[in-house]
Each structure stands twice: as structure tokens, then as C-alpha cells.
Amino acid sequence: MNDPKTIDVTPTWSGILPALLAIVANGETFEARKEAQEQLAQMAKLADLYNERLEDADEMRDALLVVNTSPAIRDWLVDNDLQCLKQVNAALGCSDSHLKKLEAEKLERMSEQLEAKTK
């Protein structure tokens, strides 16, 4: 007997954005426009919260770099940061050359932090 598969059809925020914008601009009822505006406000609030968490993660990573000079930990932190950069750039549709520039800047900043620690 085959188990039924569950298919998740939850839309992504970026996928639902065009529909919400269309409803805000051209919704047939006040209630529809208001609900779309509330959803957009919720999306903005979540984006702000996400950015705060990224800043917290950056501060934590920086503290680990300063406290722990283990090459394995440094390599893991650098790899993790670069993977995050790649994911964000892919989502934003940035070019490979832009990503390489950001990676170089990130590596330079991390090297400067390590140098400052060893002085």
C-alpha cells in the first residue's frame, strides 16, 4: 500500500508579493485592500526582525573570531558567511562579479579582525 504524499503549496513571500500589490492597487473592496496592506506590513515587520537576527549573528560570529583562533572554527565561520552571501545574492539576482567583490570584502574584514586580535 502506497502512503499518500503531502505536497506543500504554501506560497513564498516573494511569490505572493505581486498579488498583494495588485490587490492594494486594484482590490474590489476596501476590506480586500486593507487585508493586503496588513499582509505587506507583516512582511515588512518580519523582514526587519530577520535583519535584526542577522546583525545578532554577525556580532556572535565576530566574538567567536576574536575569542577562538582555532583554524577549524575560523574556516567554518568563513564558509558559513560566504554561503549566506551566495544565498542572498542569488535571491536578489546579483551578478557573479558582484558576489566575488562582496566575498573579497568579507574575507578582508575578517582578516583585519584576526590581525587586530593578535596585536
Protein backbone atom coordinates (compact mmCIF):
# COMPACT_ATOMS: atom_id res chain seq x y z
CA MET A 1 0.00 0.00 0.00
CA ASN A 2 1.40 3.37 -1.00
CA ASP A 3 1.43 6.17 1.52
CA PRO A 4 -0.04 9.37 0.15
CA LYS A 5 2.49 12.13 -0.35
CA THR A 6 1.93 15.55 1.12
CA ILE A 7 2.61 18.45 -1.18
CA ASP A 8 3.28 21.81 0.44
CA VAL A 9 1.62 24.53 -1.63
CA THR A 10 2.35 27.38 0.78
CA PRO A 11 3.35 30.37 -1.34
CA THR A 12 6.64 32.13 -0.74
CA TRP A 13 6.63 35.77 0.32
CA SER A 14 8.21 36.81 -2.96
CA GLY A 15 5.70 34.68 -4.84
CA ILE A 16 2.68 36.26 -3.17
CA LEU A 17 4.01 39.84 -3.34
CA PRO A 18 2.74 40.65 -6.89
CA ALA A 19 -0.77 39.51 -5.96
CA LEU A 20 -0.76 41.57 -2.76
CA LEU A 21 0.43 44.66 -4.65
CA ALA A 22 -2.29 44.16 -7.26
CA ILE A 23 -4.93 43.87 -4.54
CA VAL A 24 -3.67 47.02 -2.81
CA ALA A 25 -3.81 48.93 -6.10
CA ASN A 26 -6.95 47.44 -7.64
CA GLY A 27 -8.82 45.47 -4.99
CA GLU A 28 -12.57 45.44 -5.46
CA THR A 29 -13.39 46.03 -1.81
CA PHE A 30 -11.96 48.16 0.96
CA GLU A 31 -11.60 45.03 3.10
CA ALA A 32 -9.52 43.26 0.45
CA ARG A 33 -7.22 46.26 0.05
CA LYS A 34 -6.90 46.63 3.82
CA GLU A 35 -6.07 42.95 4.30
CA ALA A 36 -3.42 43.10 1.55
CA GLN A 37 -1.90 46.19 3.19
CA GLU A 38 -1.83 44.38 6.54
CA GLN A 39 -0.06 41.41 4.95
CA LEU A 40 2.54 43.73 3.43
CA ALA A 41 3.05 45.38 6.82
CA GLN A 42 3.52 41.94 8.36
CA MET A 43 6.06 41.05 5.68
CA ALA A 44 7.99 44.25 6.41
CA LYS A 45 7.92 43.52 10.15
CA LEU A 46 9.28 40.01 9.54
CA ALA A 47 12.00 41.38 7.25
CA ASP A 48 13.03 43.82 9.99
CA LEU A 49 13.13 41.00 12.54
CA TYR A 50 15.20 38.88 10.15
CA ASN A 51 17.69 41.74 9.69
CA GLU A 52 17.98 42.14 13.48
CA ARG A 53 18.74 38.43 13.80
CA LEU A 54 21.38 38.69 11.08
CA GLU A 55 23.04 41.53 12.98
CA ASP A 56 22.95 39.42 16.16
CA ALA A 57 24.51 36.50 14.27
CA ASP A 58 27.23 38.80 12.87
CA GLU A 59 28.07 40.03 16.37
CA MET A 60 28.22 36.46 17.66
CA ARG A 61 30.46 35.40 14.78
CA ASP A 62 32.76 38.34 15.37
CA ALA A 63 33.01 37.44 19.07
CA LEU A 64 33.88 33.84 18.17
CA LEU A 65 36.57 35.03 15.79
CA VAL A 66 38.13 37.18 18.49
CA VAL A 67 37.90 34.57 21.25
CA ASN A 68 38.69 31.42 19.30
CA THR A 69 41.64 31.29 16.93
CA SER A 70 41.14 27.61 16.09
CA PRO A 71 41.66 27.25 12.32
CA ALA A 72 38.72 24.83 12.09
CA ILE A 73 36.35 27.33 13.74
CA ARG A 74 37.64 30.20 11.59
CA ASP A 75 37.23 28.13 8.42
CA TRP A 76 33.70 27.12 9.40
CA LEU A 77 32.71 30.73 10.15
CA VAL A 78 34.16 31.97 6.87
CA ASP A 79 32.47 29.20 4.87
CA ASN A 80 29.17 29.89 6.61
CA ASP A 81 29.38 33.62 5.91
CA LEU A 82 30.21 33.07 2.25
CA GLN A 83 27.31 30.61 1.85
CA CYS A 84 24.94 33.22 3.31
CA LEU A 85 26.29 35.83 0.90
CA LYS A 86 25.74 33.47 -2.03
CA GLN A 87 22.15 32.73 -1.00
CA VAL A 88 21.24 36.39 -0.55
CA ASN A 89 22.85 37.36 -3.85
CA ALA A 90 21.06 34.55 -5.66
CA ALA A 91 17.74 35.68 -4.19
CA LEU A 92 18.43 39.26 -5.24
CA GLY A 93 19.63 38.25 -8.70
CA CYS A 94 23.07 39.81 -8.27
CA SER A 95 25.84 39.02 -10.71
CA ASP A 96 28.74 36.65 -10.00
CA SER A 97 31.19 39.55 -10.22
CA HIS A 98 29.23 41.41 -7.54
CA LEU A 99 29.26 38.29 -5.34
CA LYS A 100 33.03 37.87 -5.79
CA LYS A 101 33.55 41.51 -4.77
CA LEU A 102 31.43 41.01 -1.64
CA GLU A 103 33.28 37.79 -0.79
CA ALA A 104 36.63 39.56 -1.10
CA GLU A 105 35.45 42.42 1.11
CA LYS A 106 34.11 39.97 3.71
CA LEU A 107 37.36 38.00 3.77
CA GLU A 108 39.36 41.21 4.11
CA ARG A 109 37.25 42.38 7.05
CA MET A 110 37.61 39.02 8.77
CA SER A 111 41.38 39.04 8.22
CA GLU A 112 41.60 42.53 9.70
CA GLN A 113 39.65 41.37 12.76
CA LEU A 114 42.01 38.44 13.27
CA GLU A 115 45.07 40.68 12.83
CA ALA A 116 43.73 43.15 15.38
CA LYS A 117 43.20 40.29 17.82
CA THR A 118 46.78 39.07 17.53
CA LYS A 119 48.30 42.53 18.14
